[in-house]
Amino acid sequence: MAKVHCGQGSLKENPAGIGTRETLDQWRAFDASWKEFHVIVPERCLEEAEKSARDNLITVDRWWYLDI
């Protein structure tokens, strides 16, 4: 699910979506298109999501996590 507001792009990801081709394609598109790119993930998935972005040369401006 993508949320877009105020010139920023943000994506809220569930654990099953992290690292999938679809998610990485969305992250690449947001990385290339927005002034700021934020990703929201469950806290337990933060490290995996950050590694996935790094490994795929995707720049995330801010990481957010939920304690769920």
C-alpha atoms as a PDB file:
ATOM      1  CA  MET A   1       0.000   0.000   0.000  1.00  0.00           C
ATOM      2  CA  ALA A   2       1.485   3.375  -0.965  1.00  0.00           C
ATOM      3  CA  LYS A   3       0.704   6.650   0.736  1.00  0.00           C
ATOM      4  CA  VAL A   4       1.705   9.898  -0.943  1.00  0.00           C
ATOM      5  CA  HIS A   5       1.467  13.357   0.595  1.00  0.00           C
ATOM      6  CA  CYS A   6       3.130  16.780   0.599  1.00  0.00           C
ATOM      7  CA  GLY A   7       5.761  15.988  -2.019  1.00  0.00           C
ATOM      8  CA  GLN A   8       6.871  12.905  -0.165  1.00  0.00           C
ATOM      9  CA  GLY A   9       6.484   9.270  -1.014  1.00  0.00           C
ATOM     10  CA  SER A  10       5.970   6.747   1.720  1.00  0.00           C
ATOM     11  CA  LEU A  11       5.252   3.056   1.633  1.00  0.00           C
ATOM     12  CA  LYS A  12       3.850   0.928   4.399  1.00  0.00           C
ATOM     13  CA  GLU A  13       5.067  -2.650   3.987  1.00  0.00           C
ATOM     14  CA  ASN A  14       3.985  -5.888   5.566  1.00  0.00           C
ATOM     15  CA  PRO A  15       6.543  -8.593   6.408  1.00  0.00           C
ATOM     16  CA  ALA A  16       5.632 -10.803   3.441  1.00  0.00           C
ATOM     17  CA  GLY A  17       6.325  -8.012   0.954  1.00  0.00           C
ATOM     18  CA  ILE A  18       9.843  -7.095   2.008  1.00  0.00           C
ATOM     19  CA  GLY A  19      12.419  -8.151  -0.563  1.00  0.00           C
ATOM     20  CA  THR A  20       9.914  -9.205  -3.222  1.00  0.00           C
ATOM     21  CA  ARG A  21      10.352  -8.060  -6.812  1.00  0.00           C
ATOM     22  CA  GLU A  22       7.112  -6.041  -6.630  1.00  0.00           C
ATOM     23  CA  THR A  23       8.210  -4.230  -3.470  1.00  0.00           C
ATOM     24  CA  LEU A  24      11.705  -3.518  -4.813  1.00  0.00           C
ATOM     25  CA  ASP A  25      10.198  -2.153  -8.042  1.00  0.00           C
ATOM     26  CA  GLN A  26       7.946   0.148  -5.997  1.00  0.00           C
ATOM     27  CA  TRP A  27      10.879   1.271  -3.858  1.00  0.00           C
ATOM     28  CA  ARG A  28      12.973   2.011  -6.953  1.00  0.00           C
ATOM     29  CA  ALA A  29      10.152   4.056  -8.474  1.00  0.00           C
ATOM     30  CA  PHE A  30       9.666   6.067  -5.293  1.00  0.00           C
ATOM     31  CA  ASP A  31      13.420   6.503  -4.836  1.00  0.00           C
ATOM     32  CA  ALA A  32      13.674   7.956  -8.347  1.00  0.00           C
ATOM     33  CA  SER A  33      10.513  10.061  -8.228  1.00  0.00           C
ATOM     34  CA  TRP A  34      10.153  11.802  -4.875  1.00  0.00           C
ATOM     35  CA  LYS A  35      12.065  14.426  -2.938  1.00  0.00           C
ATOM     36  CA  GLU A  36      11.863  12.254   0.161  1.00  0.00           C
ATOM     37  CA  PHE A  37      11.136   8.561   0.382  1.00  0.00           C
ATOM     38  CA  HIS A  38       9.923   7.044   3.663  1.00  0.00           C
ATOM     39  CA  VAL A  39       9.267   3.365   4.391  1.00  0.00           C
ATOM     40  CA  ILE A  40       7.173   2.051   7.283  1.00  0.00           C
ATOM     41  CA  VAL A  41       7.699  -1.554   8.403  1.00  0.00           C
ATOM     42  CA  PRO A  42       6.981  -3.682  11.461  1.00  0.00           C
ATOM     43  CA  GLU A  43       9.830  -3.279  13.965  1.00  0.00           C
ATOM     44  CA  ARG A  44      10.841  -6.937  13.640  1.00  0.00           C
ATOM     45  CA  CYS A  45      11.427  -6.400   9.883  1.00  0.00           C
ATOM     46  CA  LEU A  46      13.409  -3.159  10.015  1.00  0.00           C
ATOM     47  CA  GLU A  47      16.865  -4.716   9.684  1.00  0.00           C
ATOM     48  CA  GLU A  48      15.772  -6.940   6.787  1.00  0.00           C
ATOM     49  CA  ALA A  49      14.122  -4.012   4.991  1.00  0.00           C
ATOM     50  CA  GLU A  50      17.172  -1.762   5.400  1.00  0.00           C
ATOM     51  CA  LYS A  51      19.435  -4.529   4.068  1.00  0.00           C
ATOM     52  CA  SER A  52      17.133  -5.144   1.111  1.00  0.00           C
ATOM     53  CA  ALA A  53      17.229  -1.451   0.196  1.00  0.00           C
ATOM     54  CA  ARG A  54      21.032  -1.264   0.604  1.00  0.00           C
ATOM     55  CA  ASP A  55      21.632  -4.428  -1.424  1.00  0.00           C
ATOM     56  CA  ASN A  56      19.511  -3.014  -4.257  1.00  0.00           C
ATOM     57  CA  LEU A  57      21.042   0.496  -4.161  1.00  0.00           C
ATOM     58  CA  ILE A  58      17.745   2.073  -3.095  1.00  0.00           C
ATOM     59  CA  THR A  59      17.948   5.244  -1.015  1.00  0.00           C
ATOM     60  CA  VAL A  60      15.354   5.548   1.740  1.00  0.00           C
ATOM     61  CA  ASP A  61      15.394   8.971   3.389  1.00  0.00           C
ATOM     62  CA  ARG A  62      13.638   7.867   6.546  1.00  0.00           C
ATOM     63  CA  TRP A  63      12.715   4.539   8.068  1.00  0.00           C
ATOM     64  CA  TRP A  64       9.735   4.229  10.383  1.00  0.00           C
ATOM     65  CA  TYR A  65       8.675   1.163  12.287  1.00  0.00           C
ATOM     66  CA  LEU A  66       5.591  -0.002  14.096  1.00  0.00           C
ATOM     67  CA  ASP A  67       5.703  -2.122  17.227  1.00  0.00           C
ATOM     68  CA  ILE A  68       3.260  -4.820  16.096  1.00  0.00           C
END
